[in-house]
Protein backbone atom coordinates (compact mmCIF):
# COMPACT_ATOMS: atom_id res chain seq x y z
CA MET A 1 2.68 -2.96 -61.63
CA LYS A 2 1.21 -0.99 -59.01
CA LYS A 3 0.52 -3.94 -56.76
CA ILE A 4 3.94 -5.47 -57.49
CA PHE A 5 5.45 -1.85 -56.26
CA VAL A 6 3.54 -2.06 -52.98
CA PHE A 7 4.74 -5.38 -52.26
CA LYS A 8 8.52 -4.72 -52.53
CA PHE A 9 7.90 -1.53 -50.52
CA LEU A 10 6.35 -3.40 -48.04
CA VAL A 11 9.00 -5.79 -47.93
CA ILE A 12 11.94 -2.85 -47.49
CA PHE A 13 9.94 -1.28 -44.64
CA LEU A 14 9.33 -4.63 -42.52
CA ALA A 15 13.32 -5.37 -43.28
CA LEU A 16 14.06 -1.71 -42.07
CA THR A 17 11.95 -1.84 -39.09
CA GLY A 18 12.77 -5.33 -38.20
CA ASN A 19 16.25 -4.17 -37.43
CA ALA A 20 15.12 -0.84 -35.75
CA GLN A 21 15.93 -0.44 -32.08
CA VAL A 22 12.54 -0.30 -30.04
CA ASP A 23 12.63 1.66 -27.15
CA ILE A 24 11.28 -0.45 -24.25
CA PRO A 25 9.37 1.24 -21.45
CA ASP A 26 11.89 1.47 -17.94
CA SER A 27 9.38 -0.29 -16.16
CA LEU A 28 9.75 -3.24 -18.56
CA LEU A 29 13.62 -3.35 -18.54
CA THR A 30 14.51 -3.81 -14.72
CA ALA A 31 11.47 -3.47 -12.17
CA PRO A 32 10.23 -7.10 -12.14
CA GLN A 33 13.55 -8.61 -10.72
CA ILE A 34 15.67 -5.89 -9.17
CA LYS A 35 16.33 -6.14 -5.30
CA THR A 36 17.03 -2.97 -3.21
CA SER A 37 19.03 -2.23 0.15
CA ILE A 38 20.70 0.11 2.38
CA LYS A 39 24.72 0.53 2.22
CA GLY A 40 25.93 3.24 4.26
CA GLY A 41 22.76 4.98 4.81
CA ASN A 42 22.18 5.26 0.66
CA VAL A 43 19.89 3.36 -1.57
CA PHE A 44 21.19 0.63 -3.97
CA VAL A 45 19.46 -1.70 -6.54
CA THR A 46 20.89 -4.97 -7.65
CA PHE A 47 20.00 -6.36 -10.79
CA PRO A 48 19.39 -9.87 -12.20
CA ASP A 49 23.08 -10.08 -13.61
CA GLY A 50 24.52 -9.09 -9.86
CA GLY A 51 25.43 -5.55 -11.02
CA GLN A 52 24.54 -2.87 -8.49
CA ARG A 53 23.74 1.05 -8.67
CA GLN A 54 23.66 3.45 -6.10
CA LEU A 55 20.56 5.84 -6.25
CA THR A 56 21.04 8.15 -3.31
CA PHE A 57 23.92 9.84 -2.05
CA THR A 58 22.91 11.64 1.27
CA GLY A 59 24.01 8.83 3.84
CA SER A 60 20.83 9.24 5.68
CA ASP A 61 18.19 6.87 4.11
CA GLU A 62 16.72 3.53 5.10
CA ARG A 63 13.68 0.87 4.53
CA PRO A 64 13.53 0.77 0.61
CA PHE A 65 10.82 -0.83 -1.27
CA VAL A 66 10.65 -1.51 -4.68
CA LEU A 67 7.65 -0.19 -6.66
CA ARG A 68 7.83 -2.73 -9.64
CA SER A 69 4.98 -0.99 -11.80
CA VAL A 70 6.87 2.59 -11.67
CA ASN A 71 10.54 1.20 -11.70
CA LYS A 72 10.96 3.34 -8.70
CA ILE A 73 12.63 2.51 -4.81
CA LEU A 74 10.56 4.07 -2.16
CA PHE A 75 12.51 4.82 1.26
CA ILE A 76 12.50 7.14 4.03
CA ARG A 77 15.01 9.91 4.67
CA THR A 78 16.16 11.30 8.01
CA GLU A 79 16.98 15.24 7.94
CA ASN A 80 19.07 16.98 10.97
CA VAL A 81 17.15 20.25 11.82
CA VAL A 82 18.45 23.12 14.15
CA LYS A 83 15.82 25.46 15.08
CA GLY A 84 17.55 27.67 17.47
CA ASP A 85 18.99 25.65 20.34
CA ALA A 86 16.77 23.01 19.75
CA GLN A 87 18.12 19.85 17.60
CA TYR A 88 16.16 17.06 16.13
CA THR A 89 15.53 14.80 13.36
CA ARG A 90 12.42 14.29 10.92
CA LYS A 91 11.46 12.22 8.27
CA LYS A 92 10.62 12.30 4.54
CA ILE A 93 9.01 9.47 2.68
CA MET A 94 10.50 9.58 -0.49
CA THR A 95 11.12 7.83 -3.97
CA VAL A 96 13.92 7.65 -6.36
CA ASP A 97 13.79 6.48 -10.21
CA VAL A 98 16.05 3.67 -10.98
CA ASN A 99 17.13 4.95 -14.34
CA SER A 100 16.90 8.67 -14.05
CA PHE A 101 18.33 8.85 -10.46
CA GLU A 102 15.35 11.64 -10.08
CA GLU A 103 14.43 11.79 -6.42
CA GLU A 104 10.46 13.24 -5.09
CA THR A 105 9.35 13.53 -2.14
CA ILE A 106 5.94 11.93 -1.40
CA ALA A 107 5.35 13.28 2.27
CA GLU A 108 7.35 15.51 4.74
CA GLU A 109 4.40 16.60 6.78
CA LYS A 110 1.09 15.36 8.53
CA PRO A 111 -2.00 16.62 7.45
CA TYR A 112 -2.67 17.42 11.25
CA LYS A 113 -0.66 18.34 14.36
CA ASP A 114 -0.38 15.27 16.73
CA GLY A 115 -0.73 15.28 20.49
CA ALA A 116 2.66 13.92 21.06
CA ASP A 117 5.01 16.70 19.61
CA ASN A 118 2.58 19.17 18.46
CA THR A 119 3.91 19.43 15.01
CA TYR A 120 2.88 18.93 11.47
CA GLU A 121 6.47 17.35 10.98
CA ILE A 122 7.00 13.52 10.58
CA LEU A 123 8.75 12.42 13.38
CA LYS A 124 8.56 8.70 13.39
CA VAL A 125 7.62 6.29 10.53
CA ASP A 126 7.42 2.97 12.39
CA ASN A 127 7.10 -0.55 11.04
CA PRO A 128 6.71 0.59 7.32
CA CYS A 129 5.08 -1.62 4.67
CA LEU A 130 3.58 -1.61 1.06
CA SER A 131 0.14 -2.54 0.55
CA LEU A 132 -0.74 -5.39 -1.47
CA ASP A 133 -0.92 -3.37 -4.58
CA GLU A 134 1.99 -1.63 -4.08
CA GLY A 135 0.18 1.43 -4.24
CA SER A 136 0.39 2.78 -0.63
CA LEU A 137 2.48 2.63 2.30
CA TYR A 138 1.23 1.55 5.75
CA PHE A 139 3.19 2.72 8.79
CA ILE A 140 2.44 3.81 12.48
CA THR A 141 3.32 7.56 13.46
CA PRO A 142 1.83 9.42 16.69
CA HIS A 143 -1.29 10.66 17.16
CA THR A 144 -2.11 11.72 20.86
CA SER A 145 0.18 12.38 23.55
CA THR A 146 -0.10 8.43 24.56
CA THR A 147 -1.30 6.58 21.45
CA HIS A 148 -0.12 5.75 17.32
CA GLN A 149 -2.38 5.33 14.58
CA LEU A 150 -1.88 3.43 11.46
CA VAL A 151 -1.63 5.67 8.43
CA LYS A 152 -2.19 4.76 4.67
CA LEU A 153 -0.17 7.12 2.76
CA ASP A 154 -1.16 6.95 -1.21
CA ILE A 155 2.17 7.20 -3.04
CA ASN A 156 0.35 8.44 -6.20
CA THR A 157 -1.74 11.16 -4.83
CA LYS A 158 0.12 11.79 -1.74
CA LYS A 159 -3.08 11.49 0.48
CA TRP A 160 -2.95 10.42 3.95
CA ASN A 161 -5.81 8.09 5.47
CA GLN A 162 -5.98 7.78 9.23
CA LEU A 163 -6.89 4.25 9.59
CA PHE A 164 -7.45 3.56 13.29
CA SER A 165 -5.17 3.42 16.48
CA ALA A 166 -2.27 0.85 16.63
CA GLU A 167 0.66 0.53 18.71
CA SER A 168 1.76 -2.22 16.36
CA PHE A 169 0.44 -3.69 13.21
CA GLU A 170 1.25 -6.50 10.53
CA LEU A 171 -0.47 -6.55 7.64
CA ILE A 172 -1.88 -10.28 6.42
CA ARG A 173 -0.77 -10.88 2.91
CA THR A 174 -1.93 -14.20 1.86
CA GLY A 175 -4.85 -16.55 2.63
CA GLN A 176 -8.51 -15.80 3.35
CA PHE A 177 -7.87 -12.53 5.39
CA ALA A 178 -5.11 -11.13 2.73
CA GLY A 179 -5.77 -7.21 3.39
CA CYS A 180 -6.66 -7.63 7.17
CA PHE A 181 -4.54 -6.38 9.67
CA LEU A 182 -3.05 -8.05 13.29
CA VAL A 183 -2.56 -5.06 15.68
CA GLY A 184 -2.19 -4.05 18.97
CA GLN A 185 -4.19 -1.14 20.54
CA TYR A 186 -3.76 0.67 23.69
CA GLU A 187 -7.15 0.50 25.64
CA ILE A 188 -8.58 0.40 29.08
CA GLY A 189 -10.62 -3.12 28.98
CA ALA A 190 -11.16 -6.02 31.10
CA ARG A 191 -7.90 -6.29 31.89
CA GLY A 192 -6.97 -2.62 32.91
CA LYS A 193 -4.66 -0.09 30.75
CA GLY A 194 -2.98 -1.82 28.27
CA ILE A 195 -2.14 -3.69 24.67
CA TYR A 196 -5.19 -5.44 23.61
CA TYR A 197 -4.75 -7.64 20.27
CA TYR A 198 -7.27 -7.58 17.22
CA MET A 199 -7.92 -8.77 13.83
CA LEU A 200 -8.88 -5.67 11.79
CA ASP A 201 -10.33 -4.76 8.21
CA VAL A 202 -9.37 -1.73 6.51
CA GLN A 203 -12.31 0.21 7.78
CA GLY A 204 -10.83 -0.79 11.31
CA LYS A 205 -14.10 -3.29 12.04
CA LYS A 206 -12.73 -5.89 14.61
CA LEU A 207 -13.20 -9.31 13.18
CA LYS A 208 -11.27 -11.14 15.80
CA GLU A 209 -9.77 -10.75 19.47
CA PHE A 210 -6.91 -12.28 20.82
CA ALA A 211 -6.10 -12.94 24.46
CA SER A 212 -2.50 -12.15 24.00
CA LYS A 213 0.24 -11.39 21.31
CA GLU A 214 1.38 -15.08 21.33
CA ALA A 215 -2.23 -15.85 20.67
CA MET A 216 -2.20 -13.65 17.59
CA ASP A 217 1.09 -15.14 16.30
CA GLN A 218 -0.44 -18.51 16.47
CA PHE A 219 -3.45 -17.40 14.55
CA LYS A 220 -1.01 -16.00 11.99
CA LYS A 221 0.56 -19.31 11.36
CA VAL A 222 -2.55 -20.82 10.95
CA VAL A 223 -4.17 -18.47 8.34
CA GLN A 224 -0.91 -17.78 6.48
């Protein structure tokens, strides 16, 4: 009799839980298929069914990236600053949650004063791109009075990693050199002062040299 009672209880329990609503993590609902864009300086997302949602409302945002594992959008915000008679703009690197609309600042200052503007503020975020694992943001920002550097910003820890000097860069995403960089560096070399082109690994080790940007672009087509 006891066994029959237990069996009936299990049947009822399974029937009830089978029809119950199960909470699904937000990251599984939309992130793998959503797309992001900027309209009027605001971040939007487009869902697989074509529906759209506006996530930011400042009119000063740009360069959005989908962070699929956390269901957020990474973007760059431009702020207008007035200090006395001086007016200028600075950058903030931020995220916004696709479901809750909550914004978070990842970086609004550099961990050093640059030699170009003598400030901790982020004045330039050039050519930003996500790392292969989408855990970091690569970008170029001023370093000395005449040069820039490639920075790796960890989105989770918010830690800056100053990689190496770079006036331009492109992350190789596929093929045998995936994770390496095609860069242009300002140097005094055999051709005098100017931009020299290399392939570097993440430690800054030179793996290959190119005679020109055109030669580097040709190499890129071969390996990707």
